[in-house]
Each structure stands twice: as structure tokens, then as C-alpha cells.
C-alpha atoms as a PDB file:
ATOM      1  CA  UNK A   1      81.010   0.250  46.325  1.00  0.00           C
ATOM      2  CA  UNK A   2      79.150  -3.048  46.020  1.00  0.00           C
ATOM      3  CA  UNK A   3      79.089  -3.428  49.820  1.00  0.00           C
ATOM      4  CA  UNK A   4      77.641   0.064  50.245  1.00  0.00           C
ATOM      5  CA  UNK A   5      74.858  -0.751  47.793  1.00  0.00           C
ATOM      6  CA  UNK A   6      74.093  -3.977  49.607  1.00  0.00           C
ATOM      7  CA  UNK A   7      73.964  -2.175  52.952  1.00  0.00           C
ATOM      8  CA  UNK A   8      71.667   0.489  51.526  1.00  0.00           C
ATOM      9  CA  UNK A   9      69.331  -2.198  50.175  1.00  0.00           C
ATOM     10  CA  UNK A  10      69.311  -4.023  53.506  1.00  0.00           C
ATOM     11  CA  UNK A  11      68.481  -0.762  55.268  1.00  0.00           C
ATOM     12  CA  UNK A  12      65.421  -0.363  53.064  1.00  0.00           C
ATOM     13  CA  UNK A  13      64.241  -3.898  53.802  1.00  0.00           C
ATOM     14  CA  UNK A  14      64.472  -3.687  57.580  1.00  0.00           C
ATOM     15  CA  UNK A  15      61.174  -2.750  59.142  1.00  0.00           C
ATOM     16  CA  UNK A  16      61.476  -0.537  62.155  1.00  0.00           C
ATOM     17  CA  UNK A  17      58.703  -0.878  64.692  1.00  0.00           C
ATOM     18  CA  UNK A  18      58.101   2.523  66.237  1.00  0.00           C
ATOM     19  CA  UNK A  19      56.801   2.353  69.778  1.00  0.00           C
ATOM     20  CA  UNK A  20      53.273   3.609  70.275  1.00  0.00           C
ATOM     21  CA  UNK A  21      52.532   4.525  73.846  1.00  0.00           C
ATOM     22  CA  UNK A  22      48.833   5.177  74.340  1.00  0.00           C
ATOM     23  CA  UNK A  23      47.341   7.481  76.928  1.00  0.00           C
ATOM     24  CA  UNK A  24      45.120   6.035  79.615  1.00  0.00           C
ATOM     25  CA  UNK A  25      41.992   7.685  78.180  1.00  0.00           C
ATOM     26  CA  UNK A  26      42.729   6.640  74.596  1.00  0.00           C
ATOM     27  CA  UNK A  27      43.058   3.047  75.776  1.00  0.00           C
ATOM     28  CA  UNK A  28      39.866   3.338  77.802  1.00  0.00           C
ATOM     29  CA  UNK A  29      38.023   4.332  74.637  1.00  0.00           C
ATOM     30  CA  UNK A  30      39.626   1.567  72.538  1.00  0.00           C
ATOM     31  CA  UNK A  31      39.016  -1.077  75.196  1.00  0.00           C
ATOM     32  CA  UNK A  32      35.423   0.030  75.707  1.00  0.00           C
ATOM     33  CA  UNK A  33      34.664  -0.092  71.978  1.00  0.00           C
ATOM     34  CA  UNK A  34      36.248  -3.553  71.813  1.00  0.00           C
ATOM     35  CA  UNK A  35      33.874  -4.870  74.465  1.00  0.00           C
ATOM     36  CA  UNK A  36      36.360  -5.245  77.305  1.00  0.00           C
ATOM     37  CA  UNK A  37      34.255  -3.335  79.861  1.00  0.00           C
ATOM     38  CA  UNK A  38      32.745  -6.085  82.028  1.00  0.00           C
ATOM     39  CA  UNK A  39      34.066  -8.825  79.733  1.00  0.00           C
ATOM     40  CA  UNK A  40      33.803 -12.017  81.812  1.00  0.00           C
ATOM     41  CA  UNK A  41      33.013  -9.790  84.809  1.00  0.00           C
ATOM     42  CA  UNK A  42      36.130  -7.617  84.623  1.00  0.00           C
ATOM     43  CA  UNK A  43      35.517  -3.869  84.573  1.00  0.00           C
ATOM     44  CA  UNK A  44      37.251  -1.486  82.205  1.00  0.00           C
ATOM     45  CA  UNK A  45      39.394  -0.357  85.128  1.00  0.00           C
ATOM     46  CA  UNK A  46      40.850  -3.868  85.395  1.00  0.00           C
ATOM     47  CA  UNK A  47      41.979  -3.814  81.767  1.00  0.00           C
ATOM     48  CA  UNK A  48      43.466  -0.319  81.933  1.00  0.00           C
ATOM     49  CA  UNK A  49      45.253  -1.071  85.199  1.00  0.00           C
ATOM     50  CA  UNK A  50      46.590  -4.374  83.888  1.00  0.00           C
ATOM     51  CA  UNK A  51      47.878  -2.828  80.635  1.00  0.00           C
ATOM     52  CA  UNK A  52      49.650  -0.122  82.624  1.00  0.00           C
ATOM     53  CA  UNK A  53      51.465  -2.543  84.915  1.00  0.00           C
ATOM     54  CA  UNK A  54      52.278  -5.005  82.131  1.00  0.00           C
ATOM     55  CA  UNK A  55      53.564  -2.588  79.461  1.00  0.00           C
ATOM     56  CA  UNK A  56      53.004   1.014  80.567  1.00  0.00           C
ATOM     57  CA  UNK A  57      50.657   1.220  77.541  1.00  0.00           C
ATOM     58  CA  UNK A  58      53.540   0.542  75.131  1.00  0.00           C
ATOM     59  CA  UNK A  59      52.402  -1.466  72.096  1.00  0.00           C
ATOM     60  CA  UNK A  60      55.934  -2.635  71.288  1.00  0.00           C
ATOM     61  CA  UNK A  61      56.846  -3.841  74.789  1.00  0.00           C
ATOM     62  CA  UNK A  62      58.744  -7.140  74.826  1.00  0.00           C
ATOM     63  CA  UNK A  63      60.304  -9.116  77.644  1.00  0.00           C
ATOM     64  CA  UNK A  64      62.530 -12.137  77.046  1.00  0.00           C
ATOM     65  CA  UNK A  65      62.027 -14.735  79.748  1.00  0.00           C
ATOM     66  CA  UNK A  66      64.416 -17.306  81.216  1.00  0.00           C
ATOM     67  CA  UNK A  67      62.540 -20.204  79.587  1.00  0.00           C
ATOM     68  CA  UNK A  68      63.328 -18.807  76.117  1.00  0.00           C
ATOM     69  CA  UNK A  69      59.853 -17.433  75.494  1.00  0.00           C
ATOM     70  CA  UNK A  70      58.941 -13.769  75.077  1.00  0.00           C
ATOM     71  CA  UNK A  71      56.059 -11.650  76.336  1.00  0.00           C
ATOM     72  CA  UNK A  72      54.677  -9.323  73.649  1.00  0.00           C
ATOM     73  CA  UNK A  73      52.775  -6.083  73.384  1.00  0.00           C
ATOM     74  CA  UNK A  74      50.482  -3.997  75.491  1.00  0.00           C
ATOM     75  CA  UNK A  75      49.197  -7.059  77.383  1.00  0.00           C
ATOM     76  CA  UNK A  76      52.558  -8.908  77.467  1.00  0.00           C
ATOM     77  CA  UNK A  77      51.165 -12.058  75.865  1.00  0.00           C
ATOM     78  CA  UNK A  78      53.553 -15.017  76.010  1.00  0.00           C
ATOM     79  CA  UNK A  79      54.968 -16.606  72.866  1.00  0.00           C
ATOM     80  CA  UNK A  80      55.064 -20.155  74.147  1.00  0.00           C
ATOM     81  CA  UNK A  81      51.326 -20.631  74.635  1.00  0.00           C
ATOM     82  CA  UNK A  82      49.483 -17.831  72.888  1.00  0.00           C
ATOM     83  CA  UNK A  83      51.277 -16.666  69.715  1.00  0.00           C
ATOM     84  CA  UNK A  84      53.629 -17.934  67.009  1.00  0.00           C
ATOM     85  CA  UNK A  85      57.316 -17.038  67.203  1.00  0.00           C
ATOM     86  CA  UNK A  86      60.075 -18.799  65.278  1.00  0.00           C
ATOM     87  CA  UNK A  87      62.295 -19.732  68.259  1.00  0.00           C
ATOM     88  CA  UNK A  88      60.078 -22.202  70.094  1.00  0.00           C
ATOM     89  CA  UNK A  89      57.608 -24.972  69.430  1.00  0.00           C
ATOM     90  CA  UNK A  90      54.638 -22.821  70.292  1.00  0.00           C
ATOM     91  CA  UNK A  91      51.072 -23.812  71.011  1.00  0.00           C
ATOM     92  CA  UNK A  92      49.724 -20.597  69.406  1.00  0.00           C
ATOM     93  CA  UNK A  93      46.265 -20.776  70.995  1.00  0.00           C
ATOM     94  CA  UNK A  94      45.422 -17.309  69.656  1.00  0.00           C
ATOM     95  CA  UNK A  95      46.345 -18.284  66.077  1.00  0.00           C
ATOM     96  CA  UNK A  96      48.375 -15.111  65.618  1.00  0.00           C
ATOM     97  CA  UNK A  97      51.988 -14.195  64.945  1.00  0.00           C
ATOM     98  CA  UNK A  98      53.641 -12.645  67.992  1.00  0.00           C
ATOM     99  CA  UNK A  99      54.673  -9.693  65.823  1.00  0.00           C
ATOM    100  CA  UNK A 100      50.966  -8.925  65.299  1.00  0.00           C
ATOM    101  CA  UNK A 101      50.759  -8.220  69.030  1.00  0.00           C
ATOM    102  CA  UNK A 102      53.262  -5.349  68.875  1.00  0.00           C
ATOM    103  CA  UNK A 103      51.507  -3.047  66.424  1.00  0.00           C
ATOM    104  CA  UNK A 104      49.460   0.117  66.959  1.00  0.00           C
ATOM    105  CA  UNK A 105      46.373  -1.816  65.866  1.00  0.00           C
ATOM    106  CA  UNK A 106      45.314  -3.525  69.090  1.00  0.00           C
ATOM    107  CA  UNK A 107      42.697  -5.796  67.492  1.00  0.00           C
ATOM    108  CA  UNK A 108      44.745  -9.018  67.627  1.00  0.00           C
ATOM    109  CA  UNK A 109      46.035  -8.263  71.126  1.00  0.00           C
ATOM    110  CA  UNK A 110      42.508  -7.644  72.418  1.00  0.00           C
ATOM    111  CA  UNK A 111      41.115 -10.785  70.779  1.00  0.00           C
ATOM    112  CA  UNK A 112      43.947 -12.825  72.282  1.00  0.00           C
ATOM    113  CA  UNK A 113      43.551 -11.220  75.731  1.00  0.00           C
ATOM    114  CA  UNK A 114      39.846 -12.104  75.686  1.00  0.00           C
ATOM    115  CA  UNK A 115      40.753 -15.695  74.809  1.00  0.00           C
ATOM    116  CA  UNK A 116      43.246 -15.826  77.682  1.00  0.00           C
ATOM    117  CA  UNK A 117      40.645 -14.576  80.176  1.00  0.00           C
ATOM    118  CA  UNK A 118      38.048 -16.995  78.833  1.00  0.00           C
ATOM    119  CA  UNK A 119      40.305 -20.081  78.746  1.00  0.00           C
ATOM    120  CA  UNK A 120      42.356 -19.547  81.902  1.00  0.00           C
ATOM    121  CA  UNK A 121      41.633 -18.356  85.408  1.00  0.00           C
ATOM    122  CA  UNK A 122      40.367 -14.910  84.394  1.00  0.00           C
ATOM    123  CA  UNK A 123      42.905 -12.125  84.692  1.00  0.00           C
ATOM    124  CA  UNK A 124      45.148 -14.142  87.007  1.00  0.00           C
ATOM    125  CA  UNK A 125      47.290 -14.833  83.931  1.00  0.00           C
ATOM    126  CA  UNK A 126      48.832 -11.371  84.326  1.00  0.00           C
ATOM    127  CA  UNK A 127      51.155 -10.914  87.304  1.00  0.00           C
ATOM    128  CA  UNK A 128      50.909  -7.125  87.003  1.00  0.00           C
ATOM    129  CA  UNK A 129      47.151  -7.361  87.455  1.00  0.00           C
ATOM    130  CA  UNK A 130      47.414  -9.772  90.396  1.00  0.00           C
ATOM    131  CA  UNK A 131      49.955  -7.617  92.194  1.00  0.00           C
ATOM    132  CA  UNK A 132      48.576  -4.132  91.528  1.00  0.00           C
ATOM    133  CA  UNK A 133      44.924  -4.344  90.443  1.00  0.00           C
ATOM    134  CA  UNK A 134      43.173  -7.394  91.869  1.00  0.00           C
ATOM    135  CA  UNK A 135      40.688  -6.581  94.600  1.00  0.00           C
ATOM    136  CA  UNK A 136      41.304  -2.819  94.426  1.00  0.00           C
ATOM    137  CA  UNK A 137      38.944   0.056  93.627  1.00  0.00           C
ATOM    138  CA  UNK A 138      39.782   0.601  89.968  1.00  0.00           C
ATOM    139  CA  UNK A 139      37.191   3.259  89.170  1.00  0.00           C
ATOM    140  CA  UNK A 140      39.915   5.917  89.018  1.00  0.00           C
ATOM    141  CA  UNK A 141      41.538   4.275  85.992  1.00  0.00           C
ATOM    142  CA  UNK A 142      38.815   5.556  83.683  1.00  0.00           C
ATOM    143  CA  UNK A 143      38.113   8.778  85.596  1.00  0.00           C
ATOM    144  CA  UNK A 144      38.043  11.812  83.341  1.00  0.00           C
ATOM    145  CA  UNK A 145      37.927   9.688  80.186  1.00  0.00           C
ATOM    146  CA  UNK A 146      35.075   9.816  77.712  1.00  0.00           C
ATOM    147  CA  UNK A 147      34.194   6.229  76.894  1.00  0.00           C
ATOM    148  CA  UNK A 148      31.238   5.040  74.899  1.00  0.00           C
END
């Protein structure tokens, strides 16, 4: 009986992160309002394309890498350099917990992505962008979306 009570209590304490998968147009609106359109010369289409190929617009996306680090969230931001995660001696350049990058509120992820673009070689940080978006006509990524 005591074990059942303990298990019930533990179940209440565990936080379940429900995946939020945005639509292309919803992200276009969020990204536009956050100032990503033409940020450092990268059009809104670049950001929408990159987010698609990195996470398929899934806010809770995570990929564990061979070096022991993890890529987090809609932009797949790496734990070793950009956010704080308990496993590694991180640099945490974005001054944010990695878990803050896997929520429905994209504020921290967007702020960190802007920092990455500003402090590195633009959007070359993201392999999905380099492979699928760089140098392409990306106007179709926001087609049919109302952005302001």
C-alpha cells in the first residue's frame, strides 16, 4: 500500500512535455512578430524552411548526439554551446536552460537563434538549412500565410 502511494505521488510530480507541432503559417506569424524576417539579412522563408528541416515544427524535438550533447527544440539548438543541461560542462552562450527551448513559448528559442546567427556564420550553424534552404527560392514558405 505504501509503495502504491509513493508511485501515485511520483506520478503527480513528473511533468509531461506535450509536443506542440506548429503549422507553417502559425510559425510565419510568430517569427515575423519576433523580428526574424530579414534578421541579419535572412528572409522569413529561411527561418520557416530551417525550422521545418531541423524539427518539422515540433517544439519538443530532441536529438542526442554522439558527443554526448543534445539538440533541443524547434531550431535544434545544441546543449554544449548554447544552453544549460546537467550532463555536460556547457558554455551556455544563450543563458537559458535547454528545457526552456522545448516549450510552446518560442521566445527563448527565438532569442537564442538570433544570437547564434549574430555570433556565428549566419544560418550555416544549421545543417538542415545548409542542405535544403541555402541559395534556394524560399518565397513559397510563407505563401498563403498572413504575416504582419
